[in-house]
Amino acid sequence: MEIFGIISMCLFVFCFVPQIILTFKSKNVSGVSPGLWTMVVLGYFTGLIYTASLKDVVLITTYLLGLILSSVVLFGYYRFR
């Protein structure tokens, strides 16, 4: 059943990649909501703190990668606004 956790991790984490590519290629952030992405970053950060206590490698990896990639989207917003 762990395979479903790994597949879920990949889908949830790498769903940010198209937004990152679009933002950095077009340098246009008119459709990006900074409030949403701030909450996403904070959600991944707090989730990472919680899952670190569980010592679940799949969840820690999911939250860590999600935090990094969502932070890149937020960085892109402030860079190109």
C-alpha atoms as a PDB file:
ATOM      1  CA  MET A   1       0.000   0.000   0.000  1.00  0.00           C
ATOM      2  CA  GLU A   2       2.993   2.311   0.391  1.00  0.00           C
ATOM      3  CA  ILE A   3       3.106   2.628  -3.404  1.00  0.00           C
ATOM      4  CA  PHE A   4      -0.120   4.661  -3.236  1.00  0.00           C
ATOM      5  CA  GLY A   5       1.548   7.039  -0.794  1.00  0.00           C
ATOM      6  CA  ILE A   6       4.488   7.472  -3.150  1.00  0.00           C
ATOM      7  CA  ILE A   7       2.212   8.045  -6.163  1.00  0.00           C
ATOM      8  CA  SER A   8       0.166  10.547  -4.146  1.00  0.00           C
ATOM      9  CA  MET A   9       3.343  12.334  -3.087  1.00  0.00           C
ATOM     10  CA  CYS A  10       4.517  12.659  -6.676  1.00  0.00           C
ATOM     11  CA  LEU A  11       1.172  13.983  -7.894  1.00  0.00           C
ATOM     12  CA  PHE A  12       0.723  16.505  -5.089  1.00  0.00           C
ATOM     13  CA  VAL A  13       4.303  17.751  -5.175  1.00  0.00           C
ATOM     14  CA  PHE A  14       4.909  17.911  -8.897  1.00  0.00           C
ATOM     15  CA  CYS A  15       1.589  19.594  -9.646  1.00  0.00           C
ATOM     16  CA  PHE A  16       3.441  22.854  -8.894  1.00  0.00           C
ATOM     17  CA  VAL A  17       5.963  22.378 -11.710  1.00  0.00           C
ATOM     18  CA  PRO A  18       3.711  23.634 -14.555  1.00  0.00           C
ATOM     19  CA  GLN A  19       2.999  26.843 -12.594  1.00  0.00           C
ATOM     20  CA  ILE A  20       6.713  27.341 -11.941  1.00  0.00           C
ATOM     21  CA  ILE A  21       7.592  26.840 -15.613  1.00  0.00           C
ATOM     22  CA  LEU A  22       4.803  29.170 -16.777  1.00  0.00           C
ATOM     23  CA  THR A  23       5.740  31.879 -14.277  1.00  0.00           C
ATOM     24  CA  PHE A  24       9.438  31.901 -15.086  1.00  0.00           C
ATOM     25  CA  LYS A  25       8.976  31.598 -18.860  1.00  0.00           C
ATOM     26  CA  SER A  26       6.324  34.294 -19.222  1.00  0.00           C
ATOM     27  CA  LYS A  27       7.388  36.475 -16.276  1.00  0.00           C
ATOM     28  CA  ASN A  28       3.653  37.128 -15.926  1.00  0.00           C
ATOM     29  CA  VAL A  29       2.051  36.588 -12.530  1.00  0.00           C
ATOM     30  CA  SER A  30      -1.310  38.235 -13.149  1.00  0.00           C
ATOM     31  CA  GLY A  31      -3.154  34.990 -12.404  1.00  0.00           C
ATOM     32  CA  VAL A  32      -1.138  34.067  -9.318  1.00  0.00           C
ATOM     33  CA  SER A  33      -2.720  34.747  -5.925  1.00  0.00           C
ATOM     34  CA  PRO A  34      -0.065  35.604  -3.331  1.00  0.00           C
ATOM     35  CA  GLY A  35      -2.524  34.942  -0.503  1.00  0.00           C
ATOM     36  CA  LEU A  36      -3.178  31.418  -1.719  1.00  0.00           C
ATOM     37  CA  TRP A  37       0.494  30.605  -2.166  1.00  0.00           C
ATOM     38  CA  THR A  38       1.391  32.085   1.220  1.00  0.00           C
ATOM     39  CA  MET A  39      -1.166  29.766   2.832  1.00  0.00           C
ATOM     40  CA  VAL A  40       0.160  26.814   0.813  1.00  0.00           C
ATOM     41  CA  VAL A  41       3.718  27.544   1.983  1.00  0.00           C
ATOM     42  CA  LEU A  42       2.582  27.894   5.605  1.00  0.00           C
ATOM     43  CA  GLY A  43       0.523  24.711   5.317  1.00  0.00           C
ATOM     44  CA  TYR A  44       3.473  22.726   4.021  1.00  0.00           C
ATOM     45  CA  PHE A  45       5.752  24.240   6.671  1.00  0.00           C
ATOM     46  CA  THR A  46       3.454  23.331   9.564  1.00  0.00           C
ATOM     47  CA  GLY A  47       2.768  19.928   8.010  1.00  0.00           C
ATOM     48  CA  LEU A  48       6.507  19.306   7.785  1.00  0.00           C
ATOM     49  CA  ILE A  49       6.938  20.090  11.465  1.00  0.00           C
ATOM     50  CA  TYR A  50       4.152  17.660  12.357  1.00  0.00           C
ATOM     51  CA  THR A  51       5.276  14.839  10.053  1.00  0.00           C
ATOM     52  CA  ALA A  52       8.869  15.149  11.286  1.00  0.00           C
ATOM     53  CA  SER A  53       7.575  13.987  14.670  1.00  0.00           C
ATOM     54  CA  LEU A  54       5.989  10.942  12.999  1.00  0.00           C
ATOM     55  CA  LYS A  55       9.270   9.980  11.293  1.00  0.00           C
ATOM     56  CA  ASP A  56       7.398   8.921   8.134  1.00  0.00           C
ATOM     57  CA  VAL A  57       9.846   9.300   5.245  1.00  0.00           C
ATOM     58  CA  VAL A  58       7.163   9.523   2.543  1.00  0.00           C
ATOM     59  CA  LEU A  59       5.230  12.247   4.351  1.00  0.00           C
ATOM     60  CA  ILE A  60       8.365  14.187   5.288  1.00  0.00           C
ATOM     61  CA  THR A  61       9.532  14.059   1.674  1.00  0.00           C
ATOM     62  CA  THR A  62       6.107  15.163   0.444  1.00  0.00           C
ATOM     63  CA  TYR A  63       5.929  18.145   2.753  1.00  0.00           C
ATOM     64  CA  LEU A  64       9.556  19.135   2.198  1.00  0.00           C
ATOM     65  CA  LEU A  65       9.299  19.060  -1.605  1.00  0.00           C
ATOM     66  CA  GLY A  66       5.913  20.772  -1.468  1.00  0.00           C
ATOM     67  CA  LEU A  67       7.383  23.507   0.730  1.00  0.00           C
ATOM     68  CA  ILE A  68      10.299  24.048  -1.636  1.00  0.00           C
ATOM     69  CA  LEU A  69       8.239  24.101  -4.840  1.00  0.00           C
ATOM     70  CA  SER A  70       5.441  26.265  -3.450  1.00  0.00           C
ATOM     71  CA  SER A  71       8.073  28.678  -2.132  1.00  0.00           C
ATOM     72  CA  VAL A  72       9.496  28.900  -5.658  1.00  0.00           C
ATOM     73  CA  VAL A  73       6.049  29.875  -6.977  1.00  0.00           C
ATOM     74  CA  LEU A  74       5.724  32.542  -4.268  1.00  0.00           C
ATOM     75  CA  PHE A  75       9.248  33.786  -4.998  1.00  0.00           C
ATOM     76  CA  GLY A  76       8.350  34.030  -8.700  1.00  0.00           C
ATOM     77  CA  TYR A  77       5.293  36.100  -7.834  1.00  0.00           C
ATOM     78  CA  TYR A  78       7.300  38.668  -5.893  1.00  0.00           C
ATOM     79  CA  ARG A  79      10.092  38.700  -8.461  1.00  0.00           C
ATOM     80  CA  PHE A  80       7.865  39.334 -11.506  1.00  0.00           C
ATOM     81  CA  ARG A  81       4.960  41.365 -10.095  1.00  0.00           C
END
